[in-house]
N, C-alpha and C. Protein backbone atom coordinates (compact mmCIF):
# COMPACT_ATOMS: atom_id res chain seq x y z
N MET A 1 92.18 202.08 156.97
CA MET A 1 91.65 201.83 155.74
C MET A 1 92.16 202.87 154.67
N ALA A 2 92.37 204.10 155.06
CA ALA A 2 92.86 205.09 154.29
C ALA A 2 94.27 204.77 153.81
N ARG A 3 95.07 204.13 154.71
CA ARG A 3 96.44 203.73 154.41
C ARG A 3 96.50 202.80 153.29
N PHE A 4 95.53 201.71 153.33
CA PHE A 4 95.55 200.71 152.35
C PHE A 4 95.19 201.30 150.93
N SER A 5 94.21 202.21 150.82
CA SER A 5 93.89 202.84 149.62
C SER A 5 95.07 203.72 149.08
N ASP A 6 95.82 204.30 149.98
CA ASP A 6 96.94 205.13 149.51
C ASP A 6 98.09 204.21 148.92
N ILE A 7 98.20 203.01 149.53
CA ILE A 7 99.22 202.09 149.05
C ILE A 7 98.79 201.58 147.62
N ILE A 8 97.58 201.26 147.40
CA ILE A 8 97.01 200.84 146.10
C ILE A 8 97.23 201.93 145.11
N GLN A 9 96.88 203.16 145.50
CA GLN A 9 97.00 204.34 144.67
C GLN A 9 98.46 204.50 144.20
N ASN A 10 99.35 204.36 145.14
CA ASN A 10 100.81 204.53 144.89
C ASN A 10 101.29 203.41 143.88
N ILE A 11 100.81 202.22 144.06
CA ILE A 11 101.18 201.13 143.12
C ILE A 11 100.63 201.42 141.82
N ARG A 12 99.46 201.87 141.68
CA ARG A 12 98.75 202.18 140.36
C ARG A 12 99.63 203.24 139.62
N GLU A 13 100.05 204.28 140.36
CA GLU A 13 100.81 205.38 139.70
C GLU A 13 102.13 204.88 139.17
N ARG A 14 102.77 204.01 140.08
CA ARG A 14 104.12 203.51 139.63
C ARG A 14 104.06 202.60 138.42
N VAL A 15 102.90 201.72 138.45
CA VAL A 15 102.70 200.89 137.26
C VAL A 15 102.45 201.70 136.03
N LYS A 16 101.65 202.72 136.13
CA LYS A 16 101.21 203.53 135.06
C LYS A 16 102.43 204.27 134.44
N THR A 17 103.33 204.87 135.26
CA THR A 17 104.52 205.48 134.83
C THR A 17 105.53 204.47 134.14
N LEU A 18 105.62 203.29 134.73
CA LEU A 18 106.57 202.33 134.18
C LEU A 18 106.04 201.81 132.86
N SER A 19 104.69 201.52 132.83
CA SER A 19 104.14 201.03 131.58
C SER A 19 104.14 202.00 130.48
N SER A 20 104.00 203.29 130.74
CA SER A 20 103.97 204.28 129.71
C SER A 20 105.29 204.43 128.96
N ARG A 21 106.44 203.92 129.61
CA ARG A 21 107.74 203.93 128.90
C ARG A 21 107.70 202.88 127.78
N PHE A 22 107.01 201.82 128.03
CA PHE A 22 107.13 200.67 127.01
C PHE A 22 105.91 200.44 126.14
N PHE A 23 104.70 200.80 126.63
CA PHE A 23 103.41 200.50 125.98
C PHE A 23 102.62 201.75 125.78
N THR A 24 101.78 201.71 124.77
CA THR A 24 100.70 202.67 124.63
C THR A 24 99.57 202.19 125.59
N PRO A 25 98.60 203.00 125.98
CA PRO A 25 97.63 202.57 126.86
C PRO A 25 96.76 201.39 126.30
N LYS A 26 96.52 201.40 125.05
CA LYS A 26 95.74 200.28 124.46
C LYS A 26 96.62 198.95 124.54
N GLU A 27 97.90 199.07 124.32
CA GLU A 27 98.76 197.88 124.35
C GLU A 27 98.83 197.35 125.80
N PHE A 28 98.87 198.32 126.75
CA PHE A 28 99.00 197.95 128.16
C PHE A 28 97.69 197.16 128.53
N ARG A 29 96.55 197.65 128.18
CA ARG A 29 95.33 197.14 128.51
C ARG A 29 95.17 195.67 127.92
N SER A 30 95.60 195.44 126.63
CA SER A 30 95.50 194.23 125.99
C SER A 30 96.50 193.20 126.63
N ALA A 31 97.72 193.68 127.03
CA ALA A 31 98.62 192.81 127.80
C ALA A 31 98.09 192.39 129.12
N LEU A 32 97.44 193.29 129.86
CA LEU A 32 96.80 192.91 131.07
C LEU A 32 95.74 191.89 130.82
N PHE A 33 94.97 192.07 129.76
CA PHE A 33 93.94 191.12 129.56
C PHE A 33 94.45 189.70 129.25
N PHE A 34 95.46 189.61 128.43
CA PHE A 34 96.11 188.35 128.17
C PHE A 34 96.74 187.73 129.37
N LEU A 35 97.37 188.53 130.17
CA LEU A 35 97.94 188.13 131.40
C LEU A 35 96.88 187.52 132.33
N GLY A 36 95.79 188.20 132.40
CA GLY A 36 94.65 187.70 133.19
C GLY A 36 94.12 186.38 132.68
N LEU A 37 94.04 186.29 131.41
CA LEU A 37 93.62 184.94 130.81
C LEU A 37 94.56 183.78 131.13
N GLY A 38 95.87 184.11 131.01
CA GLY A 38 96.83 183.11 131.35
C GLY A 38 96.75 182.63 132.84
N ILE A 39 96.61 183.67 133.70
CA ILE A 39 96.48 183.38 135.14
C ILE A 39 95.17 182.53 135.33
N ALA A 40 94.00 182.85 134.65
CA ALA A 40 92.77 182.15 134.85
C ALA A 40 92.98 180.74 134.37
N ALA A 41 93.68 180.57 133.24
CA ALA A 41 93.87 179.12 132.78
C ALA A 41 94.69 178.46 133.73
N LEU A 42 95.77 178.97 134.30
CA LEU A 42 96.58 178.29 135.32
C LEU A 42 95.78 177.93 136.55
N LEU A 43 94.90 178.84 137.02
CA LEU A 43 94.16 178.56 138.15
C LEU A 43 93.10 177.44 137.87
N TYR A 44 92.57 177.53 136.66
CA TYR A 44 91.58 176.51 136.31
C TYR A 44 92.21 175.09 136.28
N ARG A 45 93.38 175.00 135.71
CA ARG A 45 93.99 173.76 135.57
C ARG A 45 94.44 173.30 137.02
N GLY A 46 95.02 174.17 137.76
CA GLY A 46 95.40 173.82 139.06
C GLY A 46 94.22 173.45 139.98
N GLY A 47 93.17 174.26 139.78
CA GLY A 47 91.89 173.96 140.57
C GLY A 47 91.37 172.65 140.24
N SER A 48 91.39 172.23 138.97
CA SER A 48 90.84 170.88 138.53
C SER A 48 91.68 169.83 139.21
N TYR A 49 92.94 170.09 139.24
CA TYR A 49 93.90 169.06 139.88
C TYR A 49 93.55 168.92 141.36
N ILE A 50 93.37 170.06 142.06
CA ILE A 50 93.09 170.04 143.49
C ILE A 50 91.68 169.30 143.72
N VAL A 51 90.76 169.50 142.87
CA VAL A 51 89.41 168.92 142.97
C VAL A 51 89.58 167.40 142.85
N ARG A 52 90.38 167.00 141.90
CA ARG A 52 90.56 165.58 141.62
C ARG A 52 91.28 164.86 142.87
N GLU A 53 92.15 165.63 143.48
CA GLU A 53 92.95 165.09 144.63
C GLU A 53 92.04 164.97 145.87
N TYR A 54 91.19 165.93 146.08
CA TYR A 54 90.51 165.91 147.35
C TYR A 54 89.08 165.22 147.30
N PHE A 55 88.68 164.87 146.13
CA PHE A 55 87.41 164.16 145.99
C PHE A 55 87.73 162.80 145.47
N PRO A 56 87.06 161.72 145.91
CA PRO A 56 87.47 160.51 145.38
C PRO A 56 87.06 160.33 143.88
N LYS A 57 87.84 159.38 143.30
CA LYS A 57 87.62 159.06 141.94
C LYS A 57 86.39 158.16 141.72
N THR A 58 85.52 158.61 140.87
CA THR A 58 84.28 157.83 140.72
C THR A 58 84.39 156.94 139.38
N ILE A 59 85.40 157.31 138.56
CA ILE A 59 85.45 156.53 137.31
C ILE A 59 86.91 156.12 137.13
N SER A 60 87.07 155.06 136.44
CA SER A 60 88.50 154.60 136.26
C SER A 60 89.28 155.47 135.30
N GLU A 61 90.61 155.29 135.32
CA GLU A 61 91.47 156.17 134.52
C GLU A 61 91.14 155.80 132.95
N ASP A 62 90.92 154.58 132.64
CA ASP A 62 90.62 154.21 131.27
C ASP A 62 89.37 154.95 130.76
N GLU A 63 88.32 154.92 131.62
CA GLU A 63 87.01 155.61 131.20
C GLU A 63 87.29 157.15 131.13
N ARG A 64 88.17 157.72 131.99
CA ARG A 64 88.42 159.02 132.00
C ARG A 64 89.23 159.43 130.64
N SER A 65 90.17 158.61 130.22
CA SER A 65 90.89 158.92 129.03
C SER A 65 89.94 158.82 127.79
N ILE A 66 89.01 157.96 127.84
CA ILE A 66 87.98 157.81 126.74
C ILE A 66 87.17 159.13 126.70
N GLN A 67 86.76 159.56 127.85
CA GLN A 67 86.02 160.83 127.98
C GLN A 67 86.76 161.99 127.36
N HIS A 68 88.04 162.05 127.72
CA HIS A 68 88.90 163.17 127.28
C HIS A 68 89.03 163.11 125.74
N THR A 69 89.22 161.85 125.21
CA THR A 69 89.23 161.74 123.76
C THR A 69 88.00 162.12 123.14
N ASN A 70 86.95 161.73 123.61
CA ASN A 70 85.65 162.05 122.98
C ASN A 70 85.25 163.47 123.17
N ASP A 71 85.81 164.18 124.23
CA ASP A 71 85.48 165.59 124.46
C ASP A 71 86.32 166.57 123.54
N SER A 72 87.35 165.99 122.95
CA SER A 72 88.27 166.83 122.12
C SER A 72 87.60 167.36 120.91
N VAL A 73 88.09 168.54 120.40
CA VAL A 73 87.56 169.14 119.13
C VAL A 73 87.78 168.19 117.97
N PHE A 74 89.02 167.59 117.99
CA PHE A 74 89.35 166.59 116.87
C PHE A 74 88.34 165.46 116.82
N ALA A 75 87.95 164.96 117.98
CA ALA A 75 86.96 163.86 118.00
C ALA A 75 85.61 164.40 117.42
N LEU A 76 85.22 165.61 117.81
CA LEU A 76 84.01 166.08 117.26
C LEU A 76 83.93 166.24 115.78
N LEU A 77 85.07 166.82 115.30
CA LEU A 77 85.21 167.05 113.83
C LEU A 77 85.29 165.70 113.09
N SER A 78 85.88 164.77 113.72
CA SER A 78 86.04 163.42 113.11
C SER A 78 84.65 162.73 112.98
N LYS A 79 83.85 162.84 114.09
CA LYS A 79 82.56 162.31 114.10
C LYS A 79 81.75 162.96 113.00
N ARG A 80 81.78 164.25 112.85
CA ARG A 80 81.06 165.02 111.79
C ARG A 80 81.41 164.60 110.51
N ALA A 81 82.70 164.31 110.25
CA ALA A 81 83.21 163.84 108.95
C ALA A 81 82.59 162.50 108.64
N VAL A 82 82.60 161.62 109.71
CA VAL A 82 82.15 160.30 109.38
C VAL A 82 80.52 160.37 109.09
N ILE A 83 79.79 161.21 109.79
CA ILE A 83 78.38 161.38 109.49
C ILE A 83 78.11 161.93 108.11
N GLU A 84 78.97 162.87 107.75
CA GLU A 84 78.74 163.50 106.32
C GLU A 84 79.13 162.34 105.32
N ASP A 85 80.22 161.61 105.51
CA ASP A 85 80.57 160.56 104.64
C ASP A 85 79.50 159.47 104.52
N SER A 86 78.89 159.11 105.66
CA SER A 86 77.85 158.12 105.62
C SER A 86 76.68 158.51 104.88
N LEU A 87 76.46 159.82 104.66
CA LEU A 87 75.23 160.28 104.04
C LEU A 87 75.30 159.91 102.54
N ARG A 88 76.50 159.80 102.03
CA ARG A 88 76.69 159.53 100.58
C ARG A 88 76.18 158.09 100.29
N PHE A 89 76.23 157.23 101.13
CA PHE A 89 75.77 155.86 100.91
C PHE A 89 74.28 155.65 100.76
N TRP A 90 73.59 156.74 101.19
CA TRP A 90 72.09 156.73 101.20
C TRP A 90 71.58 157.23 99.81
N ILE A 91 72.42 157.81 99.03
CA ILE A 91 71.99 158.35 97.76
C ILE A 91 72.12 157.24 96.75
N PRO A 92 70.96 157.02 96.02
CA PRO A 92 71.08 155.90 95.03
C PRO A 92 72.19 156.19 93.99
N GLU A 93 72.81 155.15 93.53
CA GLU A 93 73.99 155.37 92.65
C GLU A 93 73.60 156.02 91.30
N ASP A 94 72.35 155.63 90.77
CA ASP A 94 72.00 156.10 89.49
C ASP A 94 71.36 157.43 89.46
N SER A 95 71.20 158.11 90.60
CA SER A 95 70.53 159.36 90.64
C SER A 95 71.49 160.60 90.29
N LEU A 96 72.26 161.02 91.23
CA LEU A 96 73.06 162.18 90.98
C LEU A 96 74.33 162.00 90.06
N ASP A 97 75.13 160.95 90.32
CA ASP A 97 76.31 160.72 89.63
C ASP A 97 76.05 160.53 88.12
N HIS A 98 75.10 159.66 87.83
CA HIS A 98 74.88 159.31 86.54
C HIS A 98 74.26 160.43 85.64
N GLN A 99 73.46 161.22 86.28
CA GLN A 99 72.88 162.40 85.59
C GLN A 99 73.95 163.40 85.30
N GLU A 100 74.95 163.59 86.28
CA GLU A 100 75.96 164.58 86.06
C GLU A 100 76.86 164.05 84.92
N HIS A 101 77.16 162.76 84.85
CA HIS A 101 77.91 162.15 83.83
C HIS A 101 77.26 162.40 82.46
N ILE A 102 75.95 162.20 82.29
CA ILE A 102 75.22 162.41 81.11
C ILE A 102 75.34 163.86 80.67
N ARG A 103 75.21 164.73 81.65
CA ARG A 103 75.29 166.19 81.36
C ARG A 103 76.57 166.60 80.75
N LEU A 104 77.67 166.01 81.37
CA LEU A 104 79.07 166.39 80.92
C LEU A 104 79.42 165.74 79.64
N THR A 105 78.88 164.64 79.31
CA THR A 105 79.27 163.91 78.10
C THR A 105 78.36 164.15 76.95
N SER A 106 77.20 164.67 77.16
CA SER A 106 76.27 164.75 76.05
C SER A 106 76.59 166.01 75.19
N LYS A 107 76.35 165.96 73.97
CA LYS A 107 76.63 167.02 73.05
C LYS A 107 75.43 167.76 72.70
N SER A 108 75.54 169.12 72.37
CA SER A 108 74.43 169.94 72.05
C SER A 108 74.09 169.60 70.59
N LYS A 109 72.91 170.18 70.22
CA LYS A 109 72.49 169.99 68.73
C LYS A 109 73.43 170.46 67.80
N LYS A 110 74.07 171.62 68.04
CA LYS A 110 75.03 172.14 67.20
C LYS A 110 76.28 171.22 67.03
N GLU A 111 76.70 170.62 68.11
CA GLU A 111 77.86 169.69 68.02
C GLU A 111 77.62 168.50 67.24
N LEU A 112 76.39 168.05 67.21
CA LEU A 112 76.15 166.80 66.44
C LEU A 112 76.43 166.98 64.89
N ASN A 113 76.27 168.12 64.44
CA ASN A 113 76.44 168.36 63.02
C ASN A 113 77.92 168.72 62.60
N LEU A 114 78.74 168.93 63.54
CA LEU A 114 80.05 169.40 63.30
C LEU A 114 81.10 168.30 63.26
N ILE A 115 82.16 168.48 62.45
CA ILE A 115 83.24 167.55 62.35
C ILE A 115 84.47 168.20 63.04
N GLU A 116 85.31 167.41 63.64
CA GLU A 116 86.45 168.02 64.29
C GLU A 116 87.36 168.66 63.31
N HIS A 117 87.86 169.75 63.77
CA HIS A 117 88.80 170.64 62.97
C HIS A 117 88.31 171.08 61.69
N SER A 118 86.94 171.42 61.66
CA SER A 118 86.36 171.71 60.32
C SER A 118 86.10 173.19 60.06
N ILE A 119 86.37 174.03 61.15
CA ILE A 119 86.12 175.43 60.93
C ILE A 119 87.41 176.22 61.05
N ALA A 120 87.78 176.83 59.92
CA ALA A 120 88.96 177.63 59.94
C ALA A 120 88.72 178.99 60.44
N ILE A 121 89.36 179.43 61.55
CA ILE A 121 88.93 180.71 62.09
C ILE A 121 89.46 181.91 61.42
N ASN A 122 90.41 181.75 60.62
CA ASN A 122 91.03 182.82 59.83
C ASN A 122 90.25 183.15 58.47
N THR A 123 89.38 182.23 58.03
CA THR A 123 88.62 182.36 56.82
C THR A 123 87.11 182.29 57.01
N ALA A 124 86.59 181.82 58.19
CA ALA A 124 85.26 181.70 58.45
C ALA A 124 84.48 182.92 58.46
N ASP A 125 83.25 182.95 58.07
CA ASP A 125 82.29 184.12 58.21
C ASP A 125 81.54 183.97 59.44
N SER A 126 80.59 184.89 59.56
CA SER A 126 79.80 185.02 60.78
C SER A 126 78.82 183.76 60.83
N ALA A 127 78.25 183.30 59.75
CA ALA A 127 77.38 182.15 59.72
C ALA A 127 78.11 180.95 60.03
N THR A 128 79.33 180.81 59.70
CA THR A 128 80.00 179.57 60.01
C THR A 128 80.38 179.55 61.48
N PHE A 129 80.75 180.63 62.05
CA PHE A 129 80.97 180.76 63.56
C PHE A 129 79.73 180.37 64.32
N GLN A 130 78.56 180.69 63.83
CA GLN A 130 77.36 180.47 64.48
C GLN A 130 77.06 178.89 64.63
N GLN A 131 77.71 178.07 63.87
CA GLN A 131 77.58 176.62 63.97
C GLN A 131 78.26 176.04 65.25
N LEU A 132 79.15 176.93 65.85
CA LEU A 132 79.94 176.37 66.94
C LEU A 132 78.99 176.41 68.22
N PRO A 133 79.25 175.45 69.20
CA PRO A 133 78.45 175.47 70.39
C PRO A 133 78.77 176.78 71.21
N GLY A 134 77.76 177.44 71.78
CA GLY A 134 77.79 178.55 72.55
C GLY A 134 77.96 179.81 71.79
N ILE A 135 77.92 179.84 70.42
CA ILE A 135 78.10 181.03 69.65
C ILE A 135 76.86 181.40 68.91
N GLY A 136 76.45 182.63 69.26
CA GLY A 136 75.25 183.05 68.52
C GLY A 136 75.60 184.18 67.46
N GLU A 137 74.60 184.87 67.09
CA GLU A 137 74.80 185.96 66.05
C GLU A 137 75.74 187.06 66.49
N LYS A 138 75.48 187.55 67.69
CA LYS A 138 76.29 188.67 68.19
C LYS A 138 77.78 188.17 68.43
N MET A 139 77.93 186.97 69.09
CA MET A 139 79.32 186.52 69.35
C MET A 139 80.09 186.28 68.07
N ALA A 140 79.37 185.69 67.01
CA ALA A 140 80.00 185.45 65.76
C ALA A 140 80.47 186.75 65.10
N SER A 141 79.60 187.84 65.20
CA SER A 141 80.00 189.08 64.61
C SER A 141 81.19 189.68 65.40
N ARG A 142 81.30 189.49 66.74
CA ARG A 142 82.38 189.96 67.54
C ARG A 142 83.71 189.29 67.14
N ILE A 143 83.63 188.01 66.80
CA ILE A 143 84.83 187.31 66.39
C ILE A 143 85.28 187.82 65.08
N VAL A 144 84.41 188.01 64.09
CA VAL A 144 84.76 188.54 62.75
C VAL A 144 85.38 189.94 62.91
N GLN A 145 84.70 190.77 63.68
CA GLN A 145 85.16 192.19 63.95
C GLN A 145 86.55 192.22 64.55
N TYR A 146 86.79 191.28 65.54
CA TYR A 146 88.11 191.22 66.15
C TYR A 146 89.12 190.88 65.11
N ARG A 147 88.81 189.89 64.32
CA ARG A 147 89.76 189.42 63.23
C ARG A 147 90.06 190.48 62.26
N THR A 148 89.02 191.28 61.85
CA THR A 148 89.26 192.41 60.92
C THR A 148 90.12 193.55 61.57
N ASN A 149 89.93 193.74 62.78
CA ASN A 149 90.58 194.90 63.55
C ASN A 149 92.11 194.56 63.77
N ARG A 150 92.33 193.23 64.25
CA ARG A 150 93.58 192.85 64.66
C ARG A 150 94.34 192.11 63.60
N GLY A 151 93.77 191.63 62.67
CA GLY A 151 94.50 190.75 61.75
C GLY A 151 94.14 189.26 61.94
N LYS A 152 94.78 188.42 61.23
CA LYS A 152 94.57 186.91 61.31
C LYS A 152 95.00 186.40 62.70
N PHE A 153 94.38 185.32 63.17
CA PHE A 153 94.71 184.74 64.40
C PHE A 153 96.07 183.92 64.12
N ARG A 154 96.94 183.92 65.07
CA ARG A 154 98.22 183.18 65.00
C ARG A 154 98.05 181.85 65.71
N HIS A 155 97.22 181.81 66.70
CA HIS A 155 96.99 180.67 67.64
C HIS A 155 95.42 180.55 67.81
N LEU A 156 95.01 179.35 68.10
CA LEU A 156 93.61 179.13 68.39
C LEU A 156 93.20 179.86 69.68
N HIS A 157 93.98 179.74 70.68
CA HIS A 157 93.65 180.31 71.96
C HIS A 157 93.49 181.86 72.02
N GLU A 158 93.83 182.52 70.85
CA GLU A 158 93.58 183.94 70.72
C GLU A 158 92.15 184.27 70.68
N LEU A 159 91.28 183.25 70.41
CA LEU A 159 89.82 183.51 70.42
C LEU A 159 89.42 184.05 71.86
N MET A 160 90.10 183.68 72.86
CA MET A 160 89.68 184.03 74.26
C MET A 160 89.90 185.52 74.45
N ASN A 161 90.59 186.17 73.51
CA ASN A 161 90.67 187.67 73.65
C ASN A 161 89.45 188.37 73.19
N VAL A 162 88.54 187.74 72.56
CA VAL A 162 87.29 188.21 72.15
C VAL A 162 86.41 188.34 73.30
N GLU A 163 85.83 189.43 73.47
CA GLU A 163 84.94 189.72 74.63
C GLU A 163 83.74 188.61 74.59
N GLY A 164 83.59 188.02 75.78
CA GLY A 164 82.48 187.11 75.93
C GLY A 164 82.95 185.57 75.73
N ILE A 165 84.12 185.38 75.32
CA ILE A 165 84.62 183.98 75.25
C ILE A 165 85.60 183.73 76.37
N GLY A 166 85.19 182.84 77.20
CA GLY A 166 86.10 182.51 78.37
C GLY A 166 86.54 181.09 78.21
N ASP A 167 87.17 180.49 79.24
CA ASP A 167 87.73 179.16 79.21
C ASP A 167 86.72 178.10 78.85
N GLN A 168 85.60 178.15 79.49
CA GLN A 168 84.59 177.05 79.26
C GLN A 168 84.09 177.11 77.77
N LYS A 169 83.73 178.32 77.35
CA LYS A 169 83.23 178.43 75.99
C LYS A 169 84.29 177.98 74.95
N TYR A 170 85.56 178.36 75.19
CA TYR A 170 86.59 178.00 74.32
C TYR A 170 86.93 176.51 74.40
N LYS A 171 86.75 175.86 75.45
CA LYS A 171 86.93 174.46 75.60
C LYS A 171 85.90 173.63 74.71
N LYS A 172 84.69 174.16 74.74
CA LYS A 172 83.63 173.56 73.94
C LYS A 172 83.87 173.70 72.43
N MET A 173 84.44 174.89 72.00
CA MET A 173 84.64 175.16 70.60
C MET A 173 85.92 174.54 70.04
N GLU A 174 86.93 174.40 70.94
CA GLU A 174 88.29 174.15 70.44
C GLU A 174 88.34 172.83 69.59
N PRO A 175 87.65 171.70 69.85
CA PRO A 175 87.83 170.53 68.99
C PRO A 175 87.36 170.74 67.50
N TYR A 176 86.60 171.76 67.28
CA TYR A 176 86.07 172.03 65.90
C TYR A 176 86.86 173.15 65.16
N LEU A 177 87.83 173.62 65.76
CA LEU A 177 88.55 174.79 65.12
C LEU A 177 89.91 174.37 64.58
N LYS A 178 90.26 175.15 63.56
CA LYS A 178 91.61 175.06 62.96
C LYS A 178 92.00 176.49 62.55
N LEU A 179 93.22 176.74 62.28
CA LEU A 179 93.67 178.13 61.85
C LEU A 179 93.35 178.36 60.47
N TYR A 180 93.66 177.47 59.45
CA TYR A 180 93.42 177.67 58.00
C TYR A 180 92.63 176.46 57.45
């Protein structure tokens, strides 16, 4: 028994010296891990083949192929997608989609009184800017302050340089704006 343990110890030392030339200890451990996984997968596949050969077939090949198809990850994800899609049909048509459409197309109180391209951003005062949707007293004063510091606007989209005006706010205001 002592001779067998000496042989194993000798093999370990040789592998260690050989592996230290090419790998760090961490890399060697991870390589061994993945090698072990590969061997386990091969044994599992081969083992399932051996089990099928030595035990009689209880189901037909057609049924087995259907089972393999249904057991796949793709089939599970496809079933889930079908279930999620079928949930849409249970929602009444006039509930969510119609309300969302009304929200997107409805105008605010400020917008009802405005005419398209009626506010000249290079000559408007703070009170005029407050007529725009999404613009209050502070934002209007910021716009006027920005114009006095920087000079007149050359393009309408320069309004987005004013702190607090982003894409959405600009899109709401743009139909009512003009340069002069």
